[in-house]
Amino acid sequence: MAIHICSTCGTSYPDAPEPPSGCAICEDERQFVPAGGQRWTTPEQLGSGHVNAWRQLETGLFEIHTQPQFGIGQRALLLQTDDGNVLWDCIALLDDATEALIRALGGLKAIAISHPHYYTCMQDWARRFSCPVHLHAADTDWVMRPDPALRHWQGETHTLAQGVTLIRLGGHFAGGTVLHWAEGAEGRGAILSGDIVQVAADLRRVSFLWSYPNMMPLSASTVGRMANALAAWKFDRIYGAFPGRQVKSGGAGAVEQSAARYLELLGGYQP
């Protein structure tokens, strides 16, 4: 039997002789099933044609991104702290080179993931590095492969290490989470945002959506609440879900101004 991985979103499903009839993540309105239909791969097949590329984004922060692009195409971020390394968000491919590099950097203390679209093969990463995966309890139903390594935290914040805090913002998913890194951006603070707060093509802006591929908005009240929650935290830089998508400075202002513009554009309909 083999673990089956959805080729569209990268979500992995339990060992079985045949792949599932469909991917619950892609069939949800926040994702999509391609026009050509559902397709599956396995870890072995994925590793035979893909590799992980690495880039250092700043001192103590590395990007890991699969080449050629696979699934949604997000990056994982490896954050080094005095308390141990944290992997932020996850990708489906865990190849031998990636394992060797992570072990050379000190292994992993923990994995934390922003939302279900990036759960991918988190169970395999957790087993390989003997570490827990921290997920918000509000998204428990979206776990397709239960595993003892999964830790479902509750509430609005969860501390992973000194100066490293998970913040539940909701929005895209009920448990949608960002990571606050107090020492990031040379001590000015950074947010690792996944696409809970999506860094836009204009790197001075961010956005907030219910569904990105299907372009479905969030309510004004939800966006206002998310922006207010982040206003309590000090940060100057935002690292988004995809390579090259980072607000290098003025991140707090980008969230405030982008949210204000979003709320303005969602103003009440006047017949």
Protein backbone atom coordinates (compact mmCIF):
# COMPACT_ATOMS: atom_id res chain seq x y z
CA MET A 1 0.00 0.00 0.00
CA ALA A 2 1.06 3.59 -0.49
CA ILE A 3 0.35 7.07 0.76
CA HIS A 4 -1.51 8.98 -1.96
CA ILE A 5 -0.89 12.70 -2.54
CA CYS A 6 -3.30 14.99 -4.36
CA SER A 7 -1.40 16.52 -7.28
CA THR A 8 -3.48 19.71 -7.17
CA CYS A 9 -3.15 20.68 -3.50
CA GLY A 10 -0.48 18.33 -2.15
CA THR A 11 -2.65 16.87 0.62
CA SER A 12 -1.67 13.33 1.62
CA TYR A 13 -4.10 10.52 2.41
CA PRO A 14 -3.61 7.29 4.41
CA ASP A 15 -1.98 4.15 3.06
CA ALA A 16 -4.40 2.34 0.77
CA PRO A 17 -4.23 0.03 -2.25
CA GLU A 18 -5.95 2.68 -4.39
CA PRO A 19 -6.20 6.47 -4.11
CA PRO A 20 -9.39 8.03 -2.71
CA SER A 21 -12.28 8.75 -5.06
CA GLY A 22 -11.77 12.46 -4.49
CA CYS A 23 -9.80 15.03 -2.49
CA ALA A 24 -11.92 16.65 0.22
CA ILE A 25 -9.62 19.68 0.31
CA CYS A 26 -9.97 20.35 -3.43
CA GLU A 27 -13.71 19.71 -3.44
CA ASP A 28 -14.19 22.50 -0.89
CA GLU A 29 -15.10 25.89 -2.41
CA ARG A 30 -11.79 27.40 -1.26
CA GLN A 31 -9.88 25.10 -3.63
CA PHE A 32 -10.76 23.42 -6.93
CA VAL A 33 -10.64 20.18 -8.88
CA PRO A 34 -8.88 20.79 -12.23
CA ALA A 35 -10.90 20.65 -15.41
CA GLY A 36 -9.01 17.48 -16.33
CA GLY A 37 -10.12 15.77 -13.14
CA GLN A 38 -8.53 14.55 -9.95
CA ARG A 39 -4.93 13.30 -10.19
CA TRP A 40 -2.75 11.53 -7.63
CA THR A 41 0.90 10.79 -7.02
CA THR A 42 2.97 9.03 -4.33
CA PRO A 43 6.04 10.18 -2.37
CA GLU A 44 8.25 8.01 -4.56
CA GLN A 45 6.82 9.36 -7.79
CA LEU A 46 7.04 12.94 -6.53
CA GLY A 47 10.66 12.51 -5.50
CA SER A 48 11.64 11.02 -8.85
CA GLY A 49 10.88 14.23 -10.74
CA HIS A 50 11.17 17.03 -8.17
CA VAL A 51 13.76 18.48 -5.78
CA ASN A 52 13.66 21.10 -3.06
CA ALA A 53 15.49 24.38 -3.61
CA TRP A 54 16.76 26.45 -0.67
CA ARG A 55 17.28 30.19 -0.16
CA GLN A 56 18.32 32.18 2.90
CA LEU A 57 15.90 35.08 3.35
CA GLU A 58 17.62 36.68 6.33
CA THR A 59 19.76 35.54 9.24
CA GLY A 60 17.96 32.61 10.85
CA LEU A 61 15.31 32.16 8.14
CA PHE A 62 15.42 29.82 5.14
CA GLU A 63 12.95 29.17 2.33
CA ILE A 64 12.33 25.63 1.02
CA HIS A 65 10.47 25.40 -2.30
CA THR A 66 9.83 22.41 -4.55
CA GLN A 67 11.08 22.55 -8.15
CA PRO A 68 9.39 22.20 -10.58
CA GLN A 69 6.44 23.69 -8.74
CA PHE A 70 4.10 21.12 -7.24
CA GLY A 71 0.55 21.45 -5.92
CA ILE A 72 -0.34 24.95 -4.76
CA GLY A 73 3.30 25.99 -4.97
CA GLN A 74 3.77 27.37 -1.46
CA ARG A 75 7.10 27.51 0.30
CA ALA A 76 8.02 26.19 3.72
CA LEU A 77 10.12 28.43 5.98
CA LEU A 78 12.74 27.12 8.38
CA LEU A 79 13.11 29.45 11.36
CA GLN A 80 16.15 29.09 13.62
CA THR A 81 15.74 30.04 17.29
CA ASP A 82 17.79 29.57 20.45
CA ASP A 83 15.11 27.07 21.56
CA GLY A 84 15.36 24.98 18.38
CA ASN A 85 14.26 25.18 14.76
CA VAL A 86 10.64 25.65 13.69
CA LEU A 87 9.29 24.67 10.26
CA TRP A 88 6.55 27.07 9.21
CA ASP A 89 4.03 25.65 6.75
CA CYS A 90 4.77 22.40 4.96
CA ILE A 91 5.40 21.04 1.49
CA ALA A 92 4.72 17.55 0.17
CA LEU A 93 8.27 16.64 -0.84
CA LEU A 94 10.73 15.60 1.86
CA ASP A 95 13.78 14.38 -0.04
CA ASP A 96 17.08 13.08 1.33
CA ALA A 97 18.92 16.34 0.63
CA THR A 98 16.33 18.34 2.56
CA GLU A 99 16.57 15.98 5.51
CA ALA A 100 20.37 16.23 5.51
CA LEU A 101 20.34 20.03 5.37
CA ILE A 102 17.79 20.34 8.17
CA ARG A 103 19.74 17.94 10.37
CA ALA A 104 22.92 19.93 9.68
CA LEU A 105 21.06 23.05 10.84
CA GLY A 106 20.02 21.36 14.08
CA GLY A 107 16.88 19.39 13.17
CA LEU A 108 13.36 20.50 14.05
CA LYS A 109 11.84 21.35 17.43
CA ALA A 110 8.37 21.85 15.98
CA ILE A 111 6.26 22.28 12.86
CA ALA A 112 3.44 24.85 12.70
CA ILE A 113 1.05 25.32 9.79
CA SER A 114 -1.11 28.25 8.80
CA HIS A 115 -4.12 26.38 7.42
CA PRO A 116 -5.25 23.05 5.86
CA HIS A 117 -4.11 23.81 2.30
CA TYR A 118 -0.53 23.44 3.55
CA TYR A 119 -0.92 20.33 5.71
CA THR A 120 0.45 18.24 2.79
CA CYS A 121 2.75 15.51 4.22
CA MET A 122 3.21 17.05 7.69
CA GLN A 123 2.88 13.61 9.30
CA ASP A 124 5.95 12.33 7.45
CA TRP A 125 8.02 15.41 8.35
CA ALA A 126 7.02 15.00 12.01
CA ARG A 127 8.03 11.33 12.06
CA ARG A 128 11.31 11.96 10.26
CA PHE A 129 12.36 14.65 12.75
CA SER A 130 10.56 13.31 15.85
CA CYS A 131 8.75 16.58 16.49
CA PRO A 132 5.14 17.70 17.00
CA VAL A 133 2.96 19.54 14.50
CA HIS A 134 0.98 22.47 15.92
CA LEU A 135 -2.41 23.06 14.26
CA HIS A 136 -5.30 25.17 15.45
CA ALA A 137 -8.13 23.03 16.82
CA ALA A 138 -10.73 24.89 14.74
CA ASP A 139 -9.39 23.14 11.62
CA THR A 140 -9.20 19.61 13.05
CA ASP A 141 -11.83 18.26 10.64
CA TRP A 142 -9.53 19.03 7.69
CA VAL A 143 -6.84 16.57 8.79
CA MET A 144 -6.94 13.71 6.27
CA ARG A 145 -4.29 11.57 8.00
CA PRO A 146 -4.64 11.54 11.81
CA ASP A 147 -1.32 11.07 13.58
CA PRO A 148 -0.08 11.06 17.20
CA ALA A 149 2.36 13.88 16.34
CA LEU A 150 -0.46 16.37 15.71
CA ARG A 151 -1.09 18.87 18.51
CA HIS A 152 -4.35 20.81 18.26
CA TRP A 153 -3.99 24.06 20.18
CA GLN A 154 -6.90 26.29 21.15
CA GLY A 155 -7.42 29.97 21.86
CA GLU A 156 -5.96 33.02 20.14
CA THR A 157 -2.20 32.61 20.71
CA HIS A 158 0.25 29.78 21.30
CA THR A 159 3.94 30.19 22.17
CA LEU A 160 6.35 27.87 20.35
CA ALA A 161 9.62 29.33 21.59
CA GLN A 162 10.96 32.52 23.12
CA GLY A 163 9.77 35.29 20.79
CA VAL A 164 7.92 32.90 18.46
CA THR A 165 4.14 33.04 18.78
CA LEU A 166 1.29 31.58 16.76
CA ILE A 167 -1.66 33.97 16.35
CA ARG A 168 -5.08 32.75 15.24
CA LEU A 169 -6.62 35.24 12.81
CA GLY A 170 -9.21 33.02 11.14
CA GLY A 171 -10.49 34.36 7.84
CA HIS A 172 -9.45 31.99 5.05
CA PHE A 173 -10.08 29.11 7.50
CA ALA A 174 -11.53 29.24 11.00
CA GLY A 175 -8.17 28.30 12.50
CA GLY A 176 -6.12 30.41 10.10
CA THR A 177 -2.84 31.21 11.83
CA VAL A 178 0.18 33.46 11.35
CA LEU A 179 3.53 33.26 13.14
CA HIS A 180 5.04 36.29 14.88
CA TRP A 181 8.83 36.29 15.10
CA ALA A 182 9.95 39.01 17.48
CA GLU A 183 13.62 38.93 16.39
CA GLY A 184 12.86 38.95 12.68
CA ALA A 185 13.76 41.86 10.40
CA GLU A 186 16.84 42.67 12.48
CA GLY A 187 14.79 42.91 15.66
CA ARG A 188 11.92 44.96 14.22
CA GLY A 189 9.68 41.89 14.11
CA ALA A 190 8.30 39.77 11.28
CA ILE A 191 5.09 37.94 10.47
CA LEU A 192 5.16 34.61 8.62
CA SER A 193 1.69 34.77 7.14
CA GLY A 194 1.05 31.89 4.74
CA ASP A 195 -1.93 33.18 2.82
CA ILE A 196 -3.98 34.06 5.87
CA VAL A 197 -2.58 37.52 5.15
CA GLN A 198 -1.58 37.19 1.51
CA VAL A 199 1.29 39.31 0.23
CA ALA A 200 0.12 40.76 -3.09
CA ALA A 201 1.92 41.21 -6.41
CA ASP A 202 2.41 44.83 -5.36
CA LEU A 203 4.73 44.06 -2.45
CA ARG A 204 3.46 47.10 -0.57
CA ARG A 205 0.06 45.46 -0.17
CA VAL A 206 -1.60 42.43 1.37
CA SER A 207 -5.00 40.86 0.89
CA PHE A 208 -7.54 38.73 2.70
CA LEU A 209 -9.81 36.26 0.89
CA TRP A 210 -12.11 33.34 1.64
CA SER A 211 -10.98 31.62 -1.57
CA TYR A 212 -7.96 32.74 -3.58
CA PRO A 213 -8.37 30.55 -6.68
CA ASN A 214 -12.11 31.20 -6.81
CA MET A 215 -11.77 34.89 -5.84
CA MET A 216 -14.36 34.85 -3.04
CA PRO A 217 -14.02 37.65 -0.46
CA LEU A 218 -14.22 37.70 3.29
CA SER A 219 -16.74 39.88 5.09
CA ALA A 220 -15.80 43.41 6.09
CA SER A 221 -16.24 42.54 9.76
CA THR A 222 -13.83 39.58 9.47
CA VAL A 223 -11.13 41.62 7.75
CA GLY A 224 -11.52 44.40 10.29
CA ARG A 225 -11.15 41.93 13.14
CA MET A 226 -8.05 40.36 11.58
CA ALA A 227 -6.38 43.73 11.08
CA ASN A 228 -7.20 44.80 14.63
CA ALA A 229 -5.74 41.57 16.00
CA LEU A 230 -2.44 42.14 14.17
CA ALA A 231 -2.27 45.78 15.25
CA ALA A 232 -1.38 44.59 18.75
CA TRP A 233 1.89 43.06 17.51
CA LYS A 234 5.12 44.78 16.50
CA PHE A 235 6.41 43.80 13.06
CA ASP A 236 8.05 45.44 10.08
CA ARG A 237 8.33 42.56 7.62
CA ILE A 238 5.84 40.02 6.24
CA TYR A 239 6.82 36.72 4.61
CA GLY A 240 3.94 35.39 2.52
CA ALA A 241 3.17 31.96 1.16
CA PHE A 242 5.09 32.10 -2.12
CA PRO A 243 8.67 32.77 -3.19
CA GLY A 244 9.37 36.46 -3.64
CA ARG A 245 6.22 37.48 -1.81
CA GLN A 246 7.49 39.48 1.15
CA VAL A 247 6.88 42.98 2.41
CA LYS A 248 10.46 43.93 3.29
CA SER A 249 9.62 46.96 5.42
CA GLY A 250 6.53 48.79 6.62
CA GLY A 251 4.62 45.56 7.11
CA ALA A 252 2.34 46.80 9.89
CA GLY A 253 1.41 49.82 7.80
CA ALA A 254 0.77 47.59 4.77
CA VAL A 255 -1.74 45.53 6.78
CA GLU A 256 -3.46 48.62 8.15
CA GLN A 257 -3.70 50.42 4.82
CA SER A 258 -4.64 47.32 2.82
CA ALA A 259 -7.40 46.43 5.29
CA ALA A 260 -8.73 49.98 5.19
CA ARG A 261 -8.86 49.90 1.38
CA TYR A 262 -10.53 46.48 1.43
CA LEU A 263 -13.23 47.78 3.79
CA GLU A 264 -13.71 50.87 1.64
CA LEU A 265 -14.23 48.75 -1.49
CA LEU A 266 -16.70 46.51 0.37
CA GLY A 267 -18.80 49.52 1.34
CA GLY A 268 -22.57 49.02 1.44
CA TYR A 269 -24.44 48.74 -1.86
CA GLN A 270 -26.38 51.89 -2.74
CA PRO A 271 -29.08 51.28 -5.39
